[in-house]
């Protein structure tokens, strides 16, 4: 049994989000990414697509210059964002068994 309301719409996510900002890697992040790509092919593309979707908390979206961080695979990805785009700062190695949660700083 299921209810079916004719003409009902969800409205939660009418369309997929669009990647709108340019992503730039610092020299350090580029080197780290190249090293990690030996284990994780196409890592740079994954990172670019991920941060271009703006994973920042919505209530922090207007804080330019703030450094954000999140756990991705075996590292903490650190980036900052401004009107000029997204800047990947570093891919900091972490222990695979580490329970430390990455967060905004």
N, C-alpha and C. Protein backbone atom coordinates (compact mmCIF):
# COMPACT_ATOMS: atom_id res chain seq x y z
N UNK A 1 0.84 -1.18 0.00
CA UNK A 1 0.00 0.00 0.00
C UNK A 1 0.88 1.24 0.00
N UNK A 2 0.54 2.23 -0.83
CA UNK A 2 1.27 3.50 -0.87
C UNK A 2 0.31 4.61 -1.28
N UNK A 3 0.52 5.76 -0.66
CA UNK A 3 -0.29 6.93 -1.05
C UNK A 3 0.29 7.52 -2.32
N UNK A 4 -0.55 7.99 -3.18
CA UNK A 4 -0.12 8.65 -4.40
C UNK A 4 -0.99 9.88 -4.56
N UNK A 5 -0.39 11.05 -4.37
CA UNK A 5 -1.13 12.30 -4.51
C UNK A 5 -0.83 12.86 -5.89
N UNK A 6 -1.81 12.92 -6.73
CA UNK A 6 -1.64 13.40 -8.09
C UNK A 6 -1.13 14.84 -8.09
N UNK A 7 -0.09 15.10 -8.87
CA UNK A 7 0.45 16.45 -8.99
C UNK A 7 1.40 16.87 -7.88
N UNK A 8 1.66 15.99 -6.90
CA UNK A 8 2.57 16.34 -5.80
C UNK A 8 4.01 16.40 -6.29
N UNK A 9 4.78 17.33 -5.73
CA UNK A 9 6.20 17.44 -6.04
C UNK A 9 6.97 17.51 -4.74
N UNK A 10 8.21 17.07 -4.79
CA UNK A 10 9.05 17.08 -3.59
C UNK A 10 9.61 18.45 -3.31
N UNK A 11 10.22 19.06 -4.30
CA UNK A 11 10.75 20.40 -4.15
C UNK A 11 12.05 20.49 -3.37
N UNK A 12 12.54 19.39 -2.83
CA UNK A 12 13.76 19.44 -2.03
C UNK A 12 14.98 19.76 -2.89
N UNK A 13 15.15 19.05 -3.96
CA UNK A 13 16.27 19.28 -4.87
C UNK A 13 15.75 19.17 -6.30
N UNK A 14 15.27 20.26 -6.85
CA UNK A 14 14.68 20.20 -8.18
C UNK A 14 15.68 19.86 -9.29
N UNK A 15 16.96 20.13 -9.05
CA UNK A 15 17.98 19.83 -10.06
C UNK A 15 19.30 19.57 -9.36
N UNK A 16 20.18 18.90 -10.06
CA UNK A 16 21.52 18.64 -9.51
C UNK A 16 22.28 19.96 -9.40
N UNK A 17 23.12 20.10 -8.37
CA UNK A 17 23.90 21.33 -8.23
C UNK A 17 24.92 21.45 -9.36
N UNK A 18 25.24 22.68 -9.72
CA UNK A 18 26.21 22.93 -10.78
C UNK A 18 27.55 23.34 -10.18
N UNK A 19 28.62 22.86 -10.79
CA UNK A 19 29.96 23.26 -10.38
C UNK A 19 30.24 24.61 -11.03
N UNK A 20 30.41 25.64 -10.21
CA UNK A 20 30.52 26.97 -10.78
C UNK A 20 31.85 27.67 -10.53
N UNK A 21 32.67 27.18 -9.61
CA UNK A 21 33.88 27.91 -9.28
C UNK A 21 35.12 27.19 -9.80
N UNK A 22 36.10 28.01 -10.16
CA UNK A 22 37.38 27.49 -10.64
C UNK A 22 38.19 26.97 -9.45
N UNK A 23 38.84 25.83 -9.62
CA UNK A 23 39.65 25.22 -8.56
C UNK A 23 41.12 25.31 -8.94
N UNK A 24 41.93 25.83 -7.99
CA UNK A 24 43.36 25.97 -8.20
C UNK A 24 44.10 25.25 -7.08
N UNK A 25 45.16 24.52 -7.42
CA UNK A 25 45.98 23.84 -6.43
C UNK A 25 47.24 24.66 -6.17
N UNK A 26 47.63 24.79 -4.89
CA UNK A 26 48.92 25.39 -4.58
C UNK A 26 50.00 24.41 -5.04
N UNK A 27 51.26 24.86 -5.10
CA UNK A 27 52.34 23.96 -5.51
C UNK A 27 52.44 22.77 -4.57
N UNK A 28 52.31 23.04 -3.28
CA UNK A 28 52.38 21.96 -2.29
C UNK A 28 51.26 20.95 -2.52
N UNK A 29 50.04 21.42 -2.69
CA UNK A 29 48.89 20.54 -2.89
C UNK A 29 49.03 19.77 -4.20
N UNK A 30 49.55 20.41 -5.23
CA UNK A 30 49.74 19.73 -6.52
C UNK A 30 50.73 18.58 -6.37
N UNK A 31 51.84 18.81 -5.65
CA UNK A 31 52.82 17.75 -5.44
C UNK A 31 52.23 16.61 -4.63
N UNK A 32 51.50 16.96 -3.56
CA UNK A 32 50.88 15.93 -2.73
C UNK A 32 49.86 15.13 -3.54
N UNK A 33 49.09 15.82 -4.35
CA UNK A 33 48.08 15.15 -5.19
C UNK A 33 48.75 14.19 -6.17
N UNK A 34 49.83 14.62 -6.77
CA UNK A 34 50.57 13.76 -7.70
C UNK A 34 51.07 12.50 -7.00
N UNK A 35 51.56 12.66 -5.77
CA UNK A 35 52.03 11.51 -5.00
C UNK A 35 50.88 10.55 -4.69
N UNK A 36 49.73 11.10 -4.28
CA UNK A 36 48.57 10.27 -3.95
C UNK A 36 47.95 9.60 -5.18
N UNK A 37 48.12 10.20 -6.35
CA UNK A 37 47.53 9.62 -7.56
C UNK A 37 48.15 8.28 -7.93
N UNK A 38 49.30 7.96 -7.35
CA UNK A 38 49.89 6.63 -7.56
C UNK A 38 48.99 5.56 -6.94
N UNK A 39 48.33 5.93 -5.86
CA UNK A 39 47.41 5.02 -5.17
C UNK A 39 45.97 5.24 -5.61
N UNK A 40 45.62 6.51 -5.84
CA UNK A 40 44.25 6.89 -6.20
C UNK A 40 44.24 7.60 -7.55
N UNK A 41 44.17 6.84 -8.65
CA UNK A 41 44.15 7.47 -9.98
C UNK A 41 42.99 8.46 -10.10
N UNK A 42 43.21 9.52 -10.83
CA UNK A 42 42.22 10.57 -11.09
C UNK A 42 41.80 11.31 -9.82
N UNK A 43 42.69 11.35 -8.83
CA UNK A 43 42.38 12.03 -7.57
C UNK A 43 42.14 13.52 -7.78
N UNK A 44 42.95 14.14 -8.62
CA UNK A 44 42.78 15.57 -8.85
C UNK A 44 41.38 15.89 -9.38
N UNK A 45 40.91 15.10 -10.31
CA UNK A 45 39.57 15.30 -10.86
C UNK A 45 38.51 15.13 -9.78
N UNK A 46 38.67 14.12 -8.94
CA UNK A 46 37.74 13.92 -7.83
C UNK A 46 37.70 15.13 -6.91
N UNK A 47 38.87 15.63 -6.54
CA UNK A 47 38.94 16.79 -5.65
C UNK A 47 38.31 18.02 -6.30
N UNK A 48 38.65 18.27 -7.56
CA UNK A 48 38.09 19.42 -8.26
C UNK A 48 36.56 19.36 -8.30
N UNK A 49 36.03 18.20 -8.65
CA UNK A 49 34.58 18.06 -8.73
C UNK A 49 33.92 18.16 -7.36
N UNK A 50 34.57 17.65 -6.35
CA UNK A 50 34.01 17.68 -5.00
C UNK A 50 33.94 19.09 -4.43
N UNK A 51 35.06 19.80 -4.45
CA UNK A 51 35.05 21.14 -3.84
C UNK A 51 34.32 22.17 -4.71
N UNK A 52 34.22 21.92 -6.00
CA UNK A 52 33.47 22.84 -6.86
C UNK A 52 31.99 22.86 -6.50
N UNK A 53 31.52 21.80 -5.83
CA UNK A 53 30.13 21.75 -5.38
C UNK A 53 29.93 22.51 -4.06
N UNK A 54 30.99 23.12 -3.54
CA UNK A 54 30.95 23.94 -2.33
C UNK A 54 30.44 23.18 -1.11
N UNK A 55 31.31 22.30 -0.56
CA UNK A 55 30.89 21.50 0.59
C UNK A 55 30.94 22.25 1.93
N UNK A 56 31.17 23.55 1.90
CA UNK A 56 31.19 24.32 3.15
C UNK A 56 29.80 24.33 3.79
N UNK A 57 29.75 24.42 5.12
CA UNK A 57 28.44 24.61 5.77
C UNK A 57 27.82 25.91 5.27
N UNK A 58 26.53 25.91 4.98
CA UNK A 58 25.87 27.10 4.41
C UNK A 58 26.03 28.32 5.30
N UNK A 59 26.04 28.14 6.60
CA UNK A 59 26.16 29.29 7.50
C UNK A 59 27.57 29.86 7.54
N UNK A 60 28.53 29.21 6.90
CA UNK A 60 29.89 29.72 6.83
C UNK A 60 30.27 30.14 5.41
N UNK A 61 29.34 30.09 4.48
CA UNK A 61 29.62 30.33 3.07
C UNK A 61 30.11 31.75 2.79
N UNK A 62 29.79 32.71 3.64
CA UNK A 62 30.21 34.09 3.38
C UNK A 62 31.51 34.45 4.08
N UNK A 63 32.20 33.50 4.66
CA UNK A 63 33.45 33.76 5.38
C UNK A 63 34.65 33.54 4.46
N UNK A 64 35.01 34.55 3.70
CA UNK A 64 36.16 34.44 2.80
C UNK A 64 37.44 34.34 3.60
N UNK A 65 38.38 33.56 3.08
CA UNK A 65 39.68 33.42 3.71
C UNK A 65 39.73 32.34 4.78
N UNK A 66 38.61 31.85 5.21
CA UNK A 66 38.57 30.79 6.21
C UNK A 66 39.11 29.51 5.59
N UNK A 67 39.85 28.73 6.36
CA UNK A 67 40.38 27.46 5.88
C UNK A 67 39.45 26.35 6.32
N UNK A 68 39.02 25.57 5.34
CA UNK A 68 38.13 24.44 5.60
C UNK A 68 38.91 23.15 5.42
N UNK A 69 38.43 22.10 6.05
CA UNK A 69 39.11 20.82 5.99
C UNK A 69 38.08 19.70 6.05
N UNK A 70 38.36 18.63 5.33
CA UNK A 70 37.51 17.44 5.42
C UNK A 70 38.35 16.21 5.13
N UNK A 71 37.95 15.11 5.72
CA UNK A 71 38.63 13.84 5.50
C UNK A 71 38.21 13.29 4.15
N UNK A 72 39.20 12.90 3.36
CA UNK A 72 38.96 12.27 2.07
C UNK A 72 40.01 11.18 1.90
N UNK A 73 39.55 9.94 1.82
CA UNK A 73 40.44 8.79 1.68
C UNK A 73 41.43 8.74 2.84
N UNK A 74 42.74 8.86 2.57
CA UNK A 74 43.76 8.75 3.61
C UNK A 74 44.36 10.10 3.99
N UNK A 75 43.64 11.17 3.77
CA UNK A 75 44.20 12.49 4.08
C UNK A 75 43.08 13.47 4.43
N UNK A 76 43.51 14.58 5.02
CA UNK A 76 42.61 15.70 5.26
C UNK A 76 42.85 16.71 4.15
N UNK A 77 41.81 17.03 3.43
CA UNK A 77 41.87 17.99 2.34
C UNK A 77 41.60 19.37 2.91
N UNK A 78 42.54 20.31 2.73
CA UNK A 78 42.37 21.67 3.23
C UNK A 78 42.25 22.62 2.05
N UNK A 79 41.27 23.54 2.12
CA UNK A 79 41.06 24.51 1.06
C UNK A 79 40.50 25.79 1.62
N UNK A 80 40.58 26.83 0.82
CA UNK A 80 39.95 28.10 1.14
C UNK A 80 39.19 28.55 -0.10
N UNK A 81 38.28 29.47 0.10
CA UNK A 81 37.41 29.88 -0.99
C UNK A 81 37.21 31.39 -0.93
N UNK A 82 37.18 32.01 -2.10
CA UNK A 82 36.94 33.45 -2.21
C UNK A 82 36.19 33.72 -3.51
N UNK A 83 35.97 35.00 -3.79
CA UNK A 83 35.32 35.38 -5.05
C UNK A 83 36.15 34.97 -6.26
N UNK A 84 37.46 34.79 -6.05
CA UNK A 84 38.36 34.42 -7.14
C UNK A 84 38.34 32.92 -7.43
N UNK A 85 37.77 32.12 -6.53
CA UNK A 85 37.69 30.69 -6.75
C UNK A 85 38.05 29.90 -5.51
N UNK A 86 38.34 28.64 -5.72
CA UNK A 86 38.67 27.71 -4.65
C UNK A 86 40.15 27.39 -4.76
N UNK A 87 40.84 27.42 -3.63
CA UNK A 87 42.27 27.16 -3.60
C UNK A 87 42.54 25.96 -2.70
N UNK A 88 43.03 24.87 -3.30
CA UNK A 88 43.39 23.68 -2.54
C UNK A 88 44.76 23.96 -1.93
N UNK A 89 44.81 23.91 -0.60
CA UNK A 89 46.03 24.26 0.12
C UNK A 89 46.93 23.06 0.38
N UNK A 90 46.34 21.93 0.80
CA UNK A 90 47.15 20.77 1.16
C UNK A 90 46.30 19.52 1.27
N UNK A 91 46.97 18.40 1.15
CA UNK A 91 46.39 17.08 1.38
C UNK A 91 47.22 16.46 2.49
N UNK A 92 46.81 16.66 3.73
CA UNK A 92 47.58 16.23 4.89
C UNK A 92 47.33 14.77 5.21
N UNK A 93 48.40 13.99 5.22
CA UNK A 93 48.31 12.56 5.47
C UNK A 93 47.79 12.29 6.87
N UNK A 94 46.93 11.29 7.00
CA UNK A 94 46.43 10.84 8.30
C UNK A 94 46.54 9.33 8.37
N UNK A 95 46.57 8.83 9.56
CA UNK A 95 46.58 7.38 9.75
C UNK A 95 45.23 6.83 9.32
N UNK A 96 45.19 5.74 8.56
CA UNK A 96 43.91 5.18 8.12
C UNK A 96 43.00 4.79 9.29
N UNK A 97 43.58 4.54 10.46
CA UNK A 97 42.78 4.15 11.62
C UNK A 97 42.48 5.32 12.54
N UNK A 98 42.87 6.51 12.16
CA UNK A 98 42.65 7.68 12.99
C UNK A 98 41.17 8.01 13.06
N UNK A 99 40.70 8.35 14.25
CA UNK A 99 39.30 8.72 14.44
C UNK A 99 39.12 10.21 14.55
N UNK A 100 40.18 10.97 14.33
CA UNK A 100 40.04 12.43 14.39
C UNK A 100 39.15 12.89 13.27
N UNK A 101 38.19 13.72 13.57
CA UNK A 101 37.28 14.25 12.55
C UNK A 101 37.81 15.55 12.02
N UNK A 102 37.85 15.69 10.71
CA UNK A 102 38.23 16.96 10.10
C UNK A 102 37.09 17.93 10.28
N UNK A 103 37.41 19.18 10.40
CA UNK A 103 36.35 20.18 10.59
C UNK A 103 36.83 21.51 10.08
N UNK A 104 35.97 22.51 10.18
CA UNK A 104 36.37 23.85 9.82
C UNK A 104 37.28 24.38 10.90
N UNK A 105 38.21 25.21 10.54
CA UNK A 105 39.15 25.76 11.51
C UNK A 105 38.99 27.26 11.62
